C-alpha atoms as a PDB file:
ATOM      1  CA  MET A   1      49.904 -31.297  39.387  1.00  0.00           C
ATOM      2  CA  SER A   2      51.693 -30.427  42.012  1.00  0.00           C
ATOM      3  CA  GLY A   3      50.715 -29.532  45.323  1.00  0.00           C
ATOM      4  CA  LEU A   4      51.573 -26.133  44.921  1.00  0.00           C
ATOM      5  CA  GLU A   5      49.309 -25.516  41.685  1.00  0.00           C
ATOM      6  CA  ALA A   6      46.272 -27.510  43.289  1.00  0.00           C
ATOM      7  CA  SER A   7      46.911 -24.927  46.330  1.00  0.00           C
ATOM      8  CA  ALA A   8      46.795 -22.000  43.877  1.00  0.00           C
ATOM      9  CA  THR A   9      43.791 -24.071  42.162  1.00  0.00           C
ATOM     10  CA  GLU A  10      41.710 -24.537  45.368  1.00  0.00           C
ATOM     11  CA  PHE A  11      42.858 -20.629  46.842  1.00  0.00           C
ATOM     12  CA  ARG A  12      41.665 -19.267  42.917  1.00  0.00           C
ATOM     13  CA  LEU A  13      38.574 -21.204  43.516  1.00  0.00           C
ATOM     14  CA  SER A  14      38.062 -19.853  47.262  1.00  0.00           C
ATOM     15  CA  ALA A  15      38.395 -16.658  45.778  1.00  0.00           C
ATOM     16  CA  GLY A  16      35.671 -16.667  43.370  1.00  0.00           C
ATOM     17  CA  VAL A  17      33.349 -18.047  46.222  1.00  0.00           C
ATOM     18  CA  PHE A  18      34.156 -15.087  48.595  1.00  0.00           C
ATOM     19  CA  ARG A  19      33.434 -12.810  45.378  1.00  0.00           C
ATOM     20  CA  PHE A  20      30.051 -14.163  44.812  1.00  0.00           C
ATOM     21  CA  LEU A  21      29.155 -14.093  48.677  1.00  0.00           C
ATOM     22  CA  ARG A  22      30.171 -10.061  48.146  1.00  0.00           C
ATOM     23  CA  ASP A  23      28.791  -9.116  44.893  1.00  0.00           C
ATOM     24  CA  ASN A  24      25.476 -11.450  46.552  1.00  0.00           C
ATOM     25  CA  PHE A  25      24.921 -11.237  49.971  1.00  0.00           C
ATOM     26  CA  GLN A  26      23.169  -7.721  50.564  1.00  0.00           C
ATOM     27  CA  HIS A  27      22.007  -8.068  53.918  1.00  0.00           C
ATOM     28  CA  ALA A  28      24.604 -10.273  55.935  1.00  0.00           C
ATOM     29  CA  PRO A  29      23.633 -12.170  58.418  1.00  0.00           C
ATOM     30  CA  SER A  30      26.486 -11.649  60.996  1.00  0.00           C
ATOM     31  CA  VAL A  31      29.475  -9.397  60.863  1.00  0.00           C
ATOM     32  CA  ASP A  32      31.775 -11.861  59.455  1.00  0.00           C
ATOM     33  CA  MET A  33      29.547 -11.942  56.414  1.00  0.00           C
ATOM     34  CA  GLN A  34      29.315  -8.237  55.787  1.00  0.00           C
ATOM     35  CA  SER A  35      31.103  -6.485  52.558  1.00  0.00           C
ATOM     36  CA  PRO A  36      34.308  -5.479  53.802  1.00  0.00           C
ATOM     37  CA  VAL A  37      34.811  -8.594  55.616  1.00  0.00           C
ATOM     38  CA  VAL A  38      34.432 -10.802  52.979  1.00  0.00           C
ATOM     39  CA  GLY A  39      36.259  -8.549  50.245  1.00  0.00           C
ATOM     40  CA  LEU A  40      39.340  -8.456  52.669  1.00  0.00           C
ATOM     41  CA  LEU A  41      39.189 -12.629  52.538  1.00  0.00           C
ATOM     42  CA  LEU A  42      38.490 -12.685  48.536  1.00  0.00           C
ATOM     43  CA  LYS A  43      41.933 -10.553  48.536  1.00  0.00           C
ATOM     44  CA  LEU A  44      43.762 -12.993  51.371  1.00  0.00           C
ATOM     45  CA  MET A  45      42.892 -15.846  48.779  1.00  0.00           C
ATOM     46  CA  GLN A  46      44.292 -14.004  45.725  1.00  0.00           C
ATOM     47  CA  CYS A  47      46.959 -13.911  47.970  1.00  0.00           C
ATOM     48  CA  GLN A  48      47.706 -16.925  48.612  1.00  0.00           C
ATOM     49  CA  ALA A  49      47.613 -18.314  44.973  1.00  0.00           C
ATOM     50  CA  ARG A  50      49.661 -15.705  44.134  1.00  0.00           C
ATOM     51  CA  GLU A  51      52.024 -17.013  46.796  1.00  0.00           C
ATOM     52  CA  CYS A  52      51.802 -20.362  45.568  1.00  0.00           C
ATOM     53  CA  VAL A  53      52.882 -19.001  42.077  1.00  0.00           C
ATOM     54  CA  VAL A  54      55.589 -17.531  43.146  1.00  0.00           C
ATOM     55  CA  GLN A  55      57.121 -20.344  45.385  1.00  0.00           C
ATOM     56  CA  GLN A  56      56.797 -23.126  42.387  1.00  0.00           C
ATOM     57  CA  THR A  57      59.006 -20.388  40.143  1.00  0.00           C
ATOM     58  CA  LEU A  58      61.613 -20.126  42.762  1.00  0.00           C
ATOM     59  CA  MET A  59      61.507 -23.963  42.845  1.00  0.00           C
ATOM     60  CA  LYS A  60      61.925 -24.601  39.307  1.00  0.00           C
ATOM     61  CA  MET A  61      64.717 -21.845  39.456  1.00  0.00           C
ATOM     62  CA  ASP A  62      66.135 -23.540  42.309  1.00  0.00           C
ATOM     63  CA  ASN A  63      65.853 -26.931  39.574  1.00  0.00           C
ATOM     64  CA  ARG A  64      67.726 -25.749  37.228  1.00  0.00           C
ATOM     65  CA  ARG A  65      70.204 -23.756  38.726  1.00  0.00           C
ATOM     66  CA  GLN A  66      72.287 -27.028  38.752  1.00  0.00           C
ATOM     67  CA  SER A  67      72.497 -26.549  34.946  1.00  0.00           C
ATOM     68  CA  THR A  68      73.234 -24.497  32.496  1.00  0.00           C
ATOM     69  CA  PRO A  69      71.384 -21.071  32.698  1.00  0.00           C
ATOM     70  CA  GLY A  70      69.565 -20.285  29.283  1.00  0.00           C
ATOM     71  CA  ASP A  71      66.723 -18.228  27.890  1.00  0.00           C
ATOM     72  CA  ASP A  72      63.985 -20.151  30.476  1.00  0.00           C
ATOM     73  CA  ASP A  73      65.816 -18.917  33.509  1.00  0.00           C
ATOM     74  CA  VAL A  74      65.550 -15.110  31.679  1.00  0.00           C
ATOM     75  CA  MET A  75      61.751 -15.975  31.245  1.00  0.00           C
ATOM     76  CA  ARG A  76      61.323 -17.320  35.058  1.00  0.00           C
ATOM     77  CA  CYS A  77      63.032 -14.115  36.618  1.00  0.00           C
ATOM     78  CA  VAL A  78      60.840 -11.947  34.784  1.00  0.00           C
ATOM     79  CA  GLU A  79      57.729 -13.728  36.016  1.00  0.00           C
ATOM     80  CA  LEU A  80      59.222 -13.419  39.412  1.00  0.00           C
ATOM     81  CA  ALA A  81      59.693 -10.219  38.644  1.00  0.00           C
ATOM     82  CA  GLN A  82      56.130  -9.612  37.704  1.00  0.00           C
ATOM     83  CA  GLU A  83      54.304 -11.574  40.210  1.00  0.00           C
ATOM     84  CA  CYS A  84      56.206 -10.053  43.018  1.00  0.00           C
ATOM     85  CA  SER A  85      55.374  -6.078  41.366  1.00  0.00           C
ATOM     86  CA  THR A  86      51.164  -7.257  41.317  1.00  0.00           C
ATOM     87  CA  VAL A  87      51.756  -8.921  45.313  1.00  0.00           C
ATOM     88  CA  CYS A  88      53.593  -5.217  46.168  1.00  0.00           C
ATOM     89  CA  ASN A  89      50.330  -3.165  44.085  1.00  0.00           C
ATOM     90  CA  VAL A  90      47.841  -5.539  45.744  1.00  0.00           C
ATOM     91  CA  ARG A  91      49.330  -5.844  49.921  1.00  0.00           C
ATOM     92  CA  PRO A  92      48.463  -2.084  50.341  1.00  0.00           C
ATOM     93  CA  THR A  93      44.866  -1.999  49.524  1.00  0.00           C
ATOM     94  CA  LEU A  94      44.640  -4.797  52.450  1.00  0.00           C
ATOM     95  CA  THR A  95      45.671  -2.467  55.714  1.00  0.00           C
END
């Protein structure tokens, strides 16, 4: 497992913890544990995980650029475009 894969996994796990807190903490003992704050942190962790996936895809494309382009390159471009689209759809909900 590469460093980016491990980072993406850890960010996803963190998002899961924040989701649990948001869904199960009815009476927050402090402002930073209130549902809107925890929801923001949840989305932030999800975006960080997606950014790791984007960076990993870009690195794979850079590594393959030295060889002859093939079907894998087209699929990686499609994956990258889908990932960027997902990030763009999530980003407006953070503000």
